[in-house]
């Protein structure tokens, strides 16, 4: 399962820029990777694990701005077409899940 966080945060004042930078830093600290400037994604092994990360994002929401959280399956993510200009690009690798017996 993939969790995508999309946001549009105000950056007109010093306080707003600081809040936006803190929000992005918290996403990175929680294992998200930047997909586009205002879109970060993270792979989770299960729906329950994705819930944990969604709750962390909600806990760190800035006071102002718009934030969206979208969860999609590996299959849906794999169906995405990604381009750099007119050339197709590879999707990010899915992390391997370890099995413990």
N, C-alpha and C. Protein backbone atom coordinates (compact mmCIF):
# COMPACT_ATOMS: atom_id res chain seq x y z
N UNK A 1 0.84 -1.17 0.00
CA UNK A 1 0.00 0.00 0.00
C UNK A 1 0.89 1.24 0.00
N UNK A 2 0.47 2.23 -0.73
CA UNK A 2 1.20 3.49 -0.83
C UNK A 2 0.38 4.62 -0.21
N UNK A 3 1.02 5.49 0.53
CA UNK A 3 0.39 6.68 1.09
C UNK A 3 1.00 7.88 0.39
N UNK A 4 0.15 8.70 -0.23
CA UNK A 4 0.60 9.91 -0.90
C UNK A 4 0.08 11.10 -0.13
N UNK A 5 0.95 12.05 0.16
CA UNK A 5 0.58 13.28 0.84
C UNK A 5 0.82 14.43 -0.13
N UNK A 6 -0.25 15.15 -0.46
CA UNK A 6 -0.18 16.28 -1.37
C UNK A 6 -0.55 17.53 -0.60
N UNK A 7 0.18 18.60 -0.83
CA UNK A 7 -0.12 19.81 -0.05
C UNK A 7 0.19 21.07 -0.83
N UNK A 8 -0.49 22.13 -0.42
CA UNK A 8 -0.26 23.47 -0.92
C UNK A 8 -0.27 24.37 0.30
N UNK A 9 0.92 24.77 0.74
CA UNK A 9 1.05 25.54 1.97
C UNK A 9 1.48 26.96 1.66
N UNK A 10 0.93 27.93 2.40
CA UNK A 10 1.34 29.33 2.18
C UNK A 10 2.79 29.54 2.63
N UNK A 11 3.50 30.41 1.89
CA UNK A 11 4.90 30.70 2.23
C UNK A 11 5.20 32.19 2.10
N UNK A 12 4.20 33.02 2.38
CA UNK A 12 4.39 34.47 2.20
C UNK A 12 5.14 35.11 3.37
N UNK A 13 4.92 34.62 4.57
CA UNK A 13 5.60 35.19 5.73
C UNK A 13 6.67 34.22 6.23
N UNK A 14 7.55 34.74 7.06
CA UNK A 14 8.61 33.90 7.63
C UNK A 14 8.01 32.76 8.47
N UNK A 15 6.96 33.05 9.22
CA UNK A 15 6.29 32.04 10.04
C UNK A 15 5.70 30.93 9.17
N UNK A 16 5.07 31.30 8.04
CA UNK A 16 4.49 30.31 7.14
C UNK A 16 5.57 29.46 6.47
N UNK A 17 6.68 30.08 6.07
CA UNK A 17 7.78 29.31 5.46
C UNK A 17 8.36 28.32 6.46
N UNK A 18 8.47 28.74 7.71
CA UNK A 18 9.00 27.86 8.75
C UNK A 18 8.06 26.68 8.98
N UNK A 19 6.76 26.95 9.01
CA UNK A 19 5.77 25.88 9.22
C UNK A 19 5.79 24.90 8.04
N UNK A 20 5.91 25.41 6.81
CA UNK A 20 5.95 24.54 5.63
C UNK A 20 7.21 23.68 5.64
N UNK A 21 8.35 24.27 5.99
CA UNK A 21 9.60 23.51 6.05
C UNK A 21 9.54 22.44 7.14
N UNK A 22 8.93 22.77 8.27
CA UNK A 22 8.80 21.80 9.36
C UNK A 22 7.92 20.63 8.93
N UNK A 23 6.83 20.93 8.23
CA UNK A 23 5.93 19.88 7.76
C UNK A 23 6.66 18.93 6.81
N UNK A 24 7.40 19.49 5.84
CA UNK A 24 8.17 18.65 4.91
C UNK A 24 9.23 17.83 5.64
N UNK A 25 9.88 18.43 6.61
CA UNK A 25 10.91 17.72 7.37
C UNK A 25 10.30 16.55 8.15
N UNK A 26 9.12 16.75 8.72
CA UNK A 26 8.46 15.67 9.46
C UNK A 26 8.06 14.53 8.51
N UNK A 27 7.65 14.86 7.29
CA UNK A 27 7.34 13.81 6.32
C UNK A 27 8.59 12.98 6.02
N UNK A 28 9.71 13.65 5.79
CA UNK A 28 10.96 12.94 5.51
C UNK A 28 11.39 12.09 6.70
N UNK A 29 11.23 12.62 7.90
CA UNK A 29 11.60 11.86 9.11
C UNK A 29 10.74 10.62 9.29
N UNK A 30 9.52 10.64 8.75
CA UNK A 30 8.61 9.50 8.86
C UNK A 30 8.77 8.51 7.69
N UNK A 31 9.78 8.73 6.86
CA UNK A 31 10.06 7.77 5.79
C UNK A 31 9.42 8.09 4.46
N UNK A 32 8.81 9.25 4.31
CA UNK A 32 8.25 9.65 3.03
C UNK A 32 9.38 10.12 2.12
N UNK A 33 9.16 10.00 0.82
CA UNK A 33 10.11 10.48 -0.19
C UNK A 33 9.41 11.51 -1.06
N UNK A 34 10.16 12.51 -1.50
CA UNK A 34 9.57 13.52 -2.36
C UNK A 34 9.36 12.95 -3.75
N UNK A 35 8.13 12.98 -4.23
CA UNK A 35 7.78 12.54 -5.57
C UNK A 35 7.75 13.74 -6.50
N UNK A 36 7.14 14.81 -6.04
CA UNK A 36 7.17 16.12 -6.67
C UNK A 36 7.32 17.12 -5.54
N UNK A 37 7.49 18.40 -5.85
CA UNK A 37 7.80 19.36 -4.79
C UNK A 37 6.77 19.35 -3.66
N UNK A 38 5.49 19.28 -3.97
CA UNK A 38 4.45 19.29 -2.94
C UNK A 38 3.72 17.96 -2.86
N UNK A 39 4.41 16.87 -3.19
CA UNK A 39 3.80 15.54 -3.12
C UNK A 39 4.86 14.55 -2.63
N UNK A 40 4.55 13.92 -1.53
CA UNK A 40 5.46 12.95 -0.94
C UNK A 40 4.76 11.60 -0.87
N UNK A 41 5.53 10.51 -0.96
CA UNK A 41 4.93 9.19 -0.91
C UNK A 41 5.73 8.26 -0.03
N UNK A 42 5.03 7.22 0.45
CA UNK A 42 5.65 6.24 1.33
C UNK A 42 4.98 4.89 1.11
N UNK A 43 5.78 3.84 1.05
CA UNK A 43 5.25 2.48 0.93
C UNK A 43 5.05 1.92 2.32
N UNK A 44 3.94 1.22 2.51
CA UNK A 44 3.65 0.55 3.78
C UNK A 44 3.32 -0.90 3.49
N UNK A 45 3.71 -1.78 4.40
CA UNK A 45 3.49 -3.21 4.20
C UNK A 45 2.03 -3.62 4.36
N UNK A 46 1.25 -2.82 5.08
CA UNK A 46 -0.14 -3.19 5.33
C UNK A 46 -1.00 -1.95 5.50
N UNK A 47 -2.29 -2.14 5.48
CA UNK A 47 -3.23 -1.05 5.71
C UNK A 47 -3.08 -0.48 7.12
N UNK A 48 -2.83 -1.36 8.08
CA UNK A 48 -2.66 -0.92 9.47
C UNK A 48 -1.42 -0.03 9.60
N UNK A 49 -0.34 -0.40 8.91
CA UNK A 49 0.88 0.40 8.94
C UNK A 49 0.65 1.74 8.26
N UNK A 50 -0.11 1.75 7.18
CA UNK A 50 -0.44 3.01 6.50
C UNK A 50 -1.27 3.91 7.41
N UNK A 51 -2.16 3.32 8.23
CA UNK A 51 -2.94 4.09 9.21
C UNK A 51 -2.03 4.84 10.17
N UNK A 52 -0.99 4.17 10.63
CA UNK A 52 -0.04 4.78 11.58
C UNK A 52 0.58 6.03 10.96
N UNK A 53 1.01 5.92 9.71
CA UNK A 53 1.67 7.04 9.06
C UNK A 53 0.68 8.15 8.71
N UNK A 54 -0.54 7.81 8.37
CA UNK A 54 -1.57 8.83 8.14
C UNK A 54 -1.83 9.62 9.41
N UNK A 55 -1.89 8.94 10.54
CA UNK A 55 -2.11 9.61 11.82
C UNK A 55 -0.96 10.54 12.15
N UNK A 56 0.28 10.14 11.82
CA UNK A 56 1.44 11.01 12.07
C UNK A 56 1.37 12.26 11.21
N UNK A 57 0.94 12.11 9.97
CA UNK A 57 0.80 13.28 9.10
C UNK A 57 -0.25 14.23 9.70
N UNK A 58 -1.38 13.69 10.12
CA UNK A 58 -2.44 14.51 10.70
C UNK A 58 -1.98 15.22 11.96
N UNK A 59 -1.13 14.55 12.74
CA UNK A 59 -0.61 15.15 13.97
C UNK A 59 0.29 16.36 13.67
N UNK A 60 0.95 16.34 12.52
CA UNK A 60 1.90 17.40 12.18
C UNK A 60 1.37 18.42 11.19
N UNK A 61 0.05 18.46 10.98
CA UNK A 61 -0.53 19.41 10.03
C UNK A 61 -0.20 20.85 10.42
N UNK A 62 0.18 21.66 9.44
CA UNK A 62 0.40 23.08 9.74
C UNK A 62 -0.93 23.80 9.95
N UNK A 63 -0.85 24.96 10.57
CA UNK A 63 -2.07 25.71 10.90
C UNK A 63 -2.85 26.13 9.65
N UNK A 64 -2.14 26.49 8.58
CA UNK A 64 -2.79 26.97 7.37
C UNK A 64 -2.34 26.12 6.18
N UNK A 65 -3.14 26.15 5.12
CA UNK A 65 -2.79 25.43 3.91
C UNK A 65 -3.71 24.24 3.68
N UNK A 66 -3.52 23.60 2.54
CA UNK A 66 -4.34 22.47 2.15
C UNK A 66 -3.46 21.23 2.07
N UNK A 67 -3.90 20.16 2.73
CA UNK A 67 -3.17 18.89 2.73
C UNK A 67 -4.14 17.77 2.39
N UNK A 68 -3.75 16.90 1.47
CA UNK A 68 -4.55 15.73 1.13
C UNK A 68 -3.73 14.47 1.36
N UNK A 69 -4.38 13.43 1.87
CA UNK A 69 -3.74 12.14 2.09
C UNK A 69 -4.51 11.11 1.26
N UNK A 70 -3.80 10.40 0.39
CA UNK A 70 -4.41 9.41 -0.49
C UNK A 70 -3.67 8.10 -0.31
N UNK A 71 -4.43 7.02 -0.15
CA UNK A 71 -3.83 5.69 -0.04
C UNK A 71 -4.26 4.85 -1.23
N UNK A 72 -3.27 4.21 -1.88
CA UNK A 72 -3.56 3.37 -3.03
C UNK A 72 -2.80 2.05 -2.88
N UNK A 73 -3.28 1.05 -3.57
CA UNK A 73 -2.66 -0.28 -3.50
C UNK A 73 -1.42 -0.32 -4.39
N UNK A 74 -0.60 -1.36 -4.19
CA UNK A 74 0.57 -1.57 -5.03
C UNK A 74 0.17 -1.70 -6.50
N UNK A 75 -0.94 -2.38 -6.75
CA UNK A 75 -1.42 -2.58 -8.12
C UNK A 75 -1.77 -1.25 -8.76
N UNK A 76 -2.50 -0.41 -8.04
CA UNK A 76 -2.87 0.90 -8.56
C UNK A 76 -1.62 1.75 -8.82
N UNK A 77 -0.68 1.71 -7.90
CA UNK A 77 0.56 2.46 -8.06
C UNK A 77 1.33 1.96 -9.28
N UNK A 78 1.35 0.65 -9.47
CA UNK A 78 2.04 0.05 -10.60
C UNK A 78 1.42 0.39 -11.94
N UNK A 79 0.14 0.75 -11.95
CA UNK A 79 -0.54 1.14 -13.19
C UNK A 79 -0.27 2.58 -13.59
N UNK A 80 0.42 3.34 -12.75
CA UNK A 80 0.71 4.74 -13.04
C UNK A 80 1.72 4.83 -14.19
N UNK A 81 1.49 5.78 -15.07
CA UNK A 81 2.44 6.08 -16.13
C UNK A 81 3.21 7.32 -15.72
N UNK A 82 4.52 7.26 -15.76
CA UNK A 82 5.37 8.35 -15.31
C UNK A 82 6.27 8.78 -16.46
N UNK A 83 6.38 10.09 -16.68
CA UNK A 83 7.19 10.62 -17.77
C UNK A 83 8.09 11.74 -17.27
N UNK A 84 9.26 11.83 -17.86
CA UNK A 84 10.15 12.98 -17.72
C UNK A 84 10.18 13.62 -19.10
N UNK A 85 9.45 14.72 -19.26
CA UNK A 85 9.29 15.29 -20.59
C UNK A 85 8.45 14.33 -21.42
N UNK A 86 8.94 13.95 -22.57
CA UNK A 86 8.21 13.03 -23.42
C UNK A 86 8.69 11.60 -23.30
N UNK A 87 9.71 11.38 -22.45
CA UNK A 87 10.28 10.04 -22.31
C UNK A 87 9.67 9.32 -21.10
N UNK A 88 9.27 8.07 -21.29
CA UNK A 88 8.76 7.29 -20.14
C UNK A 88 9.86 7.10 -19.10
N UNK A 89 9.46 7.04 -17.85
CA UNK A 89 10.41 6.84 -16.74
C UNK A 89 9.94 5.67 -15.90
N UNK A 90 10.88 5.07 -15.20
CA UNK A 90 10.56 3.94 -14.33
C UNK A 90 9.93 4.43 -13.03
N UNK A 91 9.03 3.63 -12.48
CA UNK A 91 8.42 3.95 -11.19
C UNK A 91 9.42 3.62 -10.08
N UNK A 92 9.27 4.24 -8.90
CA UNK A 92 10.13 3.89 -7.77
C UNK A 92 9.97 2.41 -7.42
N UNK A 93 11.05 1.79 -6.97
CA UNK A 93 11.01 0.39 -6.58
C UNK A 93 10.15 0.19 -5.34
N UNK A 94 9.46 -0.94 -5.30
CA UNK A 94 8.69 -1.32 -4.12
C UNK A 94 9.66 -1.96 -3.13
N UNK A 95 9.72 -1.47 -1.90
CA UNK A 95 10.62 -2.08 -0.93
C UNK A 95 10.24 -3.54 -0.66
N UNK A 96 11.24 -4.37 -0.45
CA UNK A 96 11.00 -5.77 -0.14
C UNK A 96 10.53 -5.91 1.30
N UNK A 97 9.54 -6.75 1.51
CA UNK A 97 9.03 -6.98 2.85
C UNK A 97 9.71 -8.24 3.40
N UNK A 98 10.23 -8.14 4.59
CA UNK A 98 10.86 -9.28 5.23
C UNK A 98 9.82 -10.14 5.91
N UNK A 99 10.02 -11.45 5.86
CA UNK A 99 9.14 -12.37 6.57
C UNK A 99 9.90 -12.95 7.73
N UNK A 100 9.28 -12.91 8.89
CA UNK A 100 9.86 -13.52 10.08
C UNK A 100 9.06 -14.74 10.45
N UNK A 101 9.73 -15.80 10.75
CA UNK A 101 9.04 -17.06 11.09
C UNK A 101 9.01 -17.28 12.57
